[in-house]
Protein backbone atom coordinates (compact mmCIF):
# COMPACT_ATOMS: atom_id res chain seq x y z
CA MET A 1 106.73 140.31 102.99
CA LYS A 2 107.55 140.82 106.69
CA LYS A 3 108.47 144.01 106.13
CA THR A 4 105.41 145.15 104.51
CA PHE A 5 103.05 143.54 107.47
CA ALA A 6 105.39 145.23 109.78
CA PHE A 7 105.37 148.73 107.94
CA ILE A 8 101.51 148.17 107.82
CA PHE A 9 101.03 147.36 111.86
CA VAL A 10 103.28 150.71 112.21
CA LEU A 11 100.65 152.71 110.52
CA PHE A 12 97.66 150.88 112.15
CA SER A 13 99.65 151.71 115.47
CA VAL A 14 100.07 155.45 115.10
CA PHE A 15 96.57 155.76 114.16
CA ALA A 16 95.83 154.06 117.18
CA LEU A 17 97.99 155.94 119.36
CA SER A 18 97.07 159.25 118.14
CA ALA A 19 97.06 161.31 121.45
CA ALA A 20 95.88 164.56 120.03
CA VAL A 21 91.80 164.14 119.78
CA ASN A 22 89.39 166.91 119.44
CA PHE A 23 85.86 166.90 119.41
CA SER A 24 83.38 169.30 117.64
CA GLY A 25 80.09 169.36 116.59
CA GLY A 26 76.69 171.26 116.73
CA PHE A 27 73.02 170.77 117.03
CA GLY A 28 70.19 172.67 115.23
CA TRP A 29 66.33 173.37 114.99
CA GLY A 30 64.34 175.65 113.41
CA ILE A 31 60.59 175.79 112.71
CA ASN A 32 58.56 178.12 110.32
CA VAL A 33 54.95 178.97 110.69
CA PRO A 34 53.49 180.50 107.15
CA LEU A 35 51.41 183.21 107.04
CA ASP A 36 49.15 181.72 104.12
CA GLY A 37 47.98 179.09 106.17
CA GLY A 38 50.19 176.39 104.61
CA ALA A 39 51.97 173.65 106.61
CA ILE A 40 54.49 174.35 109.55
CA THR A 41 57.84 173.11 108.27
CA THR A 42 60.99 172.12 110.03
CA SER A 43 64.60 172.27 109.40
CA GLY A 44 67.61 170.80 111.50
CA TYR A 45 71.46 170.96 111.63
CA ASP A 46 72.12 168.99 108.70
CA ASP A 47 70.46 171.28 106.21
CA SER A 48 67.43 168.81 105.32
CA ASP A 49 64.51 170.32 105.54
CA GLY A 50 61.35 168.86 107.16
CA THR A 51 63.69 166.24 109.16
CA GLY A 52 62.90 167.98 112.59
CA GLY A 53 66.05 168.78 113.68
CA GLY A 54 69.73 167.01 113.45
CA MET A 55 73.07 167.36 114.89
CA GLY A 56 76.67 167.01 113.58
CA LEU A 57 79.77 165.48 115.47
CA SER A 58 83.44 165.50 114.67
CA VAL A 59 86.42 163.63 116.13
CA THR A 60 89.70 164.75 114.88
CA GLY A 61 93.05 163.39 115.55
CA ASP A 62 96.36 163.81 114.44
CA PHE A 63 96.02 161.47 111.58
CA TYR A 64 92.18 160.96 111.19
CA LYS A 65 89.22 162.79 111.11
CA LEU A 66 85.75 161.07 112.12
CA THR A 67 82.51 163.07 111.03
CA PHE A 68 78.95 161.79 111.94
CA THR A 69 75.56 163.52 111.22
CA SER A 70 72.07 162.36 111.86
CA ALA A 71 68.65 163.59 110.63
CA PHE A 72 66.12 162.74 113.85
CA GLU A 73 62.82 162.13 111.96
CA ASN A 74 64.03 159.54 109.34
CA TYR A 75 67.19 158.26 111.45
CA ALA A 76 69.43 158.73 108.68
CA VAL A 77 72.85 158.80 110.04
CA GLY A 78 75.77 159.78 108.03
CA GLY A 79 79.62 158.71 108.78
CA VAL A 80 82.40 159.68 106.81
CA ALA A 81 86.01 159.04 107.49
CA SER A 82 89.29 160.90 106.33
CA LEU A 83 92.69 159.34 106.84
CA TYR A 84 95.70 161.92 106.79
CA ILE A 85 98.28 159.38 104.88
CA ASP A 86 101.03 161.59 104.81
CA LYS A 87 100.95 162.52 108.10
CA ALA A 88 101.12 158.90 109.59
CA LEU A 89 103.87 158.07 107.08
CA GLU A 90 105.72 160.94 108.54
CA ALA A 91 105.20 159.82 111.73
CA ALA A 92 106.23 156.13 110.59
CA GLY A 93 109.64 157.93 109.36
CA VAL A 94 108.88 158.56 105.74
CA ASN A 95 108.58 162.21 104.82
CA MET A 96 106.35 163.11 102.22
CA PRO A 97 106.52 166.69 99.86
CA ILE A 98 102.80 166.54 99.56
CA SER A 99 99.75 165.96 101.33
CA LEU A 100 97.48 162.85 100.87
CA THR A 101 94.03 162.40 102.25
CA LEU A 102 91.50 159.28 101.80
CA THR A 103 88.10 159.78 102.44
CA ALA A 104 85.32 157.22 102.42
CA GLY A 105 81.76 157.07 104.24
CA ASN A 106 77.93 157.24 103.32
CA ASN A 107 78.20 160.78 102.07
CA ARG A 108 78.44 162.52 98.72
CA VAL A 109 81.85 163.42 97.19
CA THR A 110 81.54 167.35 96.17
CA ALA A 111 83.69 169.45 94.13
CA TYR A 112 85.99 172.09 95.71
CA ASN A 113 84.04 175.46 95.68
CA VAL A 114 85.29 178.77 96.74
CA TYR A 115 82.23 181.02 95.55
CA ALA A 116 80.88 183.28 98.34
CA ASN A 117 77.49 182.36 97.73
CA PRO A 118 75.58 184.78 99.97
CA ASN A 119 71.89 183.21 99.48
CA GLY A 120 72.72 179.47 99.24
CA ASN A 121 71.95 179.18 95.24
CA TYR A 122 73.59 176.20 93.09
CA ALA A 123 76.51 178.20 91.51
CA GLY A 124 79.75 176.15 91.42
CA ARG A 125 78.27 173.10 93.14
CA ILE A 126 78.58 169.72 91.49
CA ARG A 127 78.82 166.27 93.61
CA ILE A 128 78.43 162.61 92.84
CA ASP A 129 76.55 160.03 94.54
CA ASN A 130 75.31 157.00 95.51
CA ALA A 131 75.84 157.62 99.16
CA SER A 132 74.26 154.37 99.91
CA ASN A 133 77.29 152.79 98.05
CA LEU A 134 80.10 154.64 100.33
CA PRO A 135 81.68 156.73 97.72
CA VAL A 136 85.47 157.22 97.96
CA SER A 137 87.72 160.07 97.21
CA PHE A 138 91.44 160.82 97.45
CA ALA A 139 93.28 164.16 97.61
CA VAL A 140 96.40 165.20 96.92
CA GLY A 141 97.97 168.83 97.80
CA TYR A 142 100.84 170.36 97.49
CA LYS A 143 101.77 172.88 100.44
CA ASP A 144 98.69 175.56 100.52
CA ILE A 145 99.00 176.22 96.45
CA VAL A 146 97.27 173.52 94.82
CA THR A 147 94.85 170.39 95.87
CA VAL A 148 93.34 167.86 93.32
CA LEU A 149 90.47 165.81 93.97
CA ALA A 150 89.30 162.46 92.56
CA GLY A 151 86.10 160.70 93.45
CA TYR A 152 84.11 157.79 92.78
CA SER A 153 80.90 156.13 93.53
CA PHE A 154 78.28 153.61 91.83
CA ASN A 155 74.59 152.71 91.86
CA ASN A 156 74.31 149.02 92.05
CA THR A 157 70.52 149.14 91.43
CA PRO A 158 70.77 147.37 88.23
CA THR A 159 71.98 144.00 88.79
CA LEU A 160 74.20 143.80 85.58
CA LEU A 161 77.70 145.73 85.71
CA GLU A 162 77.25 146.85 82.04
CA ASP A 163 73.83 148.56 83.31
CA GLN A 164 75.26 150.39 86.45
CA VAL A 165 75.99 153.96 86.84
CA GLN A 166 79.60 154.60 87.43
CA ASN A 167 80.00 158.13 89.15
CA VAL A 168 83.53 160.06 88.67
CA LEU A 169 84.49 163.58 89.74
CA VAL A 170 87.53 165.37 89.58
CA SER A 171 88.44 168.76 91.18
CA ALA A 172 91.02 171.13 91.78
CA LYS A 173 91.52 174.05 94.24
CA ILE A 174 94.31 176.44 93.32
CA VAL A 175 95.80 179.56 95.46
CA PRO A 176 98.29 180.90 93.55
CA LEU A 177 98.69 183.95 96.40
CA GLU A 178 97.09 184.62 99.36
CA GLY A 179 93.45 186.28 98.92
CA VAL A 180 93.00 184.80 95.58
CA ASN A 181 91.34 181.30 95.09
CA ALA A 182 90.19 179.27 92.05
CA THR A 183 88.56 176.04 91.47
CA VAL A 184 87.47 173.66 88.69
CA GLY A 185 85.62 170.61 88.76
CA TRP A 186 84.16 167.91 86.42
CA THR A 187 81.59 164.84 86.74
CA ASN A 188 80.45 162.70 84.18
CA HIS A 189 77.06 162.71 86.19
CA ASP A 190 76.31 165.31 88.72
CA GLN A 191 73.50 164.12 91.02
CA TRP A 192 72.26 167.39 92.18
CA SER A 193 72.10 168.99 88.66
CA ALA A 194 69.97 166.13 87.42
CA TYR A 195 67.58 166.58 90.31
CA LYS A 196 67.29 169.93 89.60
CA GLY A 197 66.43 168.84 85.94
CA TYR A 198 69.32 170.58 84.63
CA THR A 199 71.25 167.21 83.14
CA THR A 200 69.96 163.76 82.42
CA ALA A 201 71.96 160.62 83.39
CA GLN A 202 75.57 160.47 82.61
CA GLN A 203 75.29 164.03 81.38
CA SER A 204 78.76 165.91 82.03
CA VAL A 205 79.03 168.82 83.95
CA LEU A 206 82.10 171.39 84.41
CA ALA A 207 81.87 174.11 87.10
CA VAL A 208 84.43 176.87 87.88
CA THR A 209 84.65 179.29 91.02
CA ALA A 210 86.72 182.12 91.81
CA ASN A 211 87.38 184.32 95.16
CA ILE A 212 89.14 187.46 95.71
CA GLU A 213 89.76 188.96 98.84
CA LEU A 214 91.08 192.34 98.47
CA GLY A 215 91.90 193.05 102.32
CA LYS A 216 94.62 190.47 101.57
CA LEU A 217 95.85 192.07 98.53
CA ILE A 218 95.95 195.76 99.44
CA ASN A 219 97.88 196.77 102.50
CA ASN A 220 95.93 199.14 105.01
CA LEU A 221 92.76 198.84 102.94
CA PRO A 222 90.19 200.53 105.66
CA PHE A 223 87.40 198.27 104.62
CA ASP A 224 86.69 194.33 103.77
CA LEU A 225 86.10 193.79 100.02
CA GLY A 226 85.68 190.71 98.36
CA LEU A 227 84.26 189.33 94.76
CA SER A 228 83.70 186.04 93.64
CA GLY A 229 82.08 184.10 90.90
CA ALA A 230 81.10 180.66 89.85
CA LEU A 231 79.82 179.19 86.56
CA SER A 232 78.56 175.72 85.94
CA ILE A 233 78.01 174.39 82.19
CA PHE A 234 75.43 171.05 82.07
CA ASP A 235 75.05 170.73 78.56
CA PHE A 236 78.37 171.13 76.47
CA LYS A 237 75.89 170.71 73.19
CA ALA A 238 73.94 173.81 74.30
CA PHE A 239 75.69 176.23 76.17
CA GLU A 240 72.85 178.40 77.06
CA THR A 241 72.17 175.50 79.73
CA VAL A 242 74.12 177.27 82.26
CA PHE A 243 74.16 178.59 85.85
CA ALA A 244 76.15 181.52 86.72
CA ALA A 245 76.54 183.84 89.60
CA THR A 246 78.58 186.62 90.60
CA ALA A 247 78.69 188.17 94.16
CA LEU A 248 80.37 191.43 95.82
CA SER A 249 80.77 191.87 99.77
CA VAL A 250 81.65 194.87 102.05
CA GLY A 251 82.61 194.97 105.37
CA VAL A 252 83.01 198.14 107.70
CA GLU A 253 83.67 197.25 111.42
CA ASP A 254 80.32 196.00 112.53
CA ILE A 255 78.34 196.61 109.19
CA SER A 256 78.72 193.99 106.45
CA GLY A 257 76.57 193.79 103.00
CA ASP A 258 76.72 191.91 100.19
CA PHE A 259 74.88 191.85 96.25
CA GLU A 260 74.50 188.83 94.12
CA TYR A 261 73.64 188.49 90.64
CA GLN A 262 72.61 184.87 89.08
CA TYR A 263 71.70 183.65 85.79
CA ASP A 264 69.79 180.48 85.66
CA GLN A 265 69.71 179.34 82.12
CA VAL A 266 66.94 181.77 80.99
CA THR A 267 66.09 184.21 84.33
CA HIS A 268 68.14 186.55 86.01
CA GLY A 269 68.10 187.02 89.56
CA ILE A 270 69.25 189.46 92.42
CA GLY A 271 69.78 189.32 95.90
CA ALA A 272 71.08 191.83 98.83
CA ASN A 273 71.85 191.29 102.45
CA VAL A 274 72.97 193.42 105.14
CA GLY A 275 74.11 192.53 108.63
CA TYR A 276 74.92 194.67 111.99
CA GLU A 277 76.62 193.00 114.86
CA GLY A 278 77.37 196.31 116.99
CA PHE A 279 75.59 195.10 120.29
CA GLU A 280 77.22 192.85 122.51
CA ASN A 281 75.96 189.02 121.40
CA VAL A 282 73.29 190.41 119.42
CA GLY A 283 72.73 190.53 115.42
CA LEU A 284 70.47 191.94 113.41
CA TYR A 285 70.12 191.03 109.68
CA ALA A 286 67.81 191.76 106.64
CA GLY A 287 67.59 190.75 102.84
CA PHE A 288 65.72 190.79 99.74
CA GLY A 289 65.57 189.91 96.29
CA ALA A 290 63.91 188.32 93.22
CA SER A 291 65.17 184.85 91.55
CA ASP A 292 63.71 186.20 88.21
CA VAL A 293 63.75 189.93 87.87
CA THR A 294 61.39 189.86 84.89
CA ALA A 295 58.78 188.62 87.09
CA PHE A 296 60.06 190.58 90.40
CA SER A 297 56.61 190.49 92.16
CA ASP A 298 56.28 186.84 91.64
CA SER A 299 59.68 185.81 92.54
CA LEU A 300 60.02 188.44 95.42
CA TRP A 301 61.74 187.17 98.83
CA TYR A 302 62.59 189.05 101.96
CA TYR A 303 63.62 188.55 105.46
CA VAL A 304 64.32 190.22 108.77
CA LYS A 305 66.32 188.47 111.40
CA ALA A 306 67.40 189.00 114.86
CA ALA A 307 69.52 186.62 116.73
CA TYR A 308 71.29 186.32 120.34
CA THR A 309 74.13 184.20 121.47
CA LEU A 310 74.16 182.95 125.28
CA ALA A 311 76.50 180.25 126.14
CA GLY A 312 77.86 179.14 123.02
CA ALA A 313 74.04 178.81 121.91
CA THR A 314 72.50 181.22 119.13
CA TYR A 315 68.63 181.98 119.60
CA TYR A 316 66.98 183.51 116.39
CA THR A 317 63.60 184.56 115.10
CA SER A 318 62.70 186.02 111.68
CA TYR A 319 60.12 187.46 109.57
CA SER A 320 60.15 186.69 105.47
CA ASN A 321 57.80 186.19 102.78
CA GLY A 322 57.61 182.39 103.88
CA GLY A 323 56.45 183.06 107.23
CA ILE A 324 57.50 183.61 110.88
CA GLY A 325 60.28 181.61 112.10
CA PHE A 326 62.04 180.58 115.29
CA GLY A 327 65.29 178.55 116.11
CA MET A 328 68.47 177.95 117.82
CA ASP A 329 71.76 176.66 116.63
CA PHE A 330 74.64 175.21 119.09
CA ASN A 331 78.19 174.61 118.27
CA PHE A 332 81.17 173.24 120.44
């Protein structure tokens, strides 16, 4: 027993005395003025529309990482801690052939996903909640080849244990060779898909994603070329209840572009983006698409955007089917 307490004390000492501490984070704010007379909206760094801005901060040591996010309007503060157990054990004299990471906090547990996702859609994304009950996850990795993640959370709103929702997520990321990545994930209750109306409570969801970077597979390729895809199955009794997408990306010097096709149960959508960064500190971007090509004019979206970077901050303005936008992002 004394040896056990001594070993635990050594682990805590290793965490506390970690000398290499790095700080990183960012702040962002954006405003959009609709052209149809609708309400002005804001967005923040934490990707929560209508929060009026937000920020993130990460503190990284040799054996841990602490991440904080905040949405200013509703004062929602997120805090997540990741402990690199294998590195702490190694510093204590115990060498591990695998990596071990324990993560907990008031944030969702999300499955691994390597889909390029150029237009921010749902493809391959599954996660579990309830964030207020501090979900926990544990990841085990072998070199850079395979990593397995297991997550758990529950909803304690019902007072009886038998009525509570027990959320479980399992995910794996596989890198068989450089430039090729694939993931698979499963959960008994995906919160995001339930919110979007794809599933009901306790509905199992399976997702797979893959990404191939041909520039890393083919020597001296004169351009960047990538292909990725994702598939989410929301209902195993009705396989037409799926979300799938595939994206092709191309880059030549300062010019980049991509094209995406997505299938959302019964609709077929497309999207294309192009960017030019040949001017110093300036980026020019444009894109268009439709969430349903059979109703192209009704689901059409488009945008043009110009960004300028100065002293670590990026300022941008845009014009889109949703209105005129202005904003800034700062990262350090």
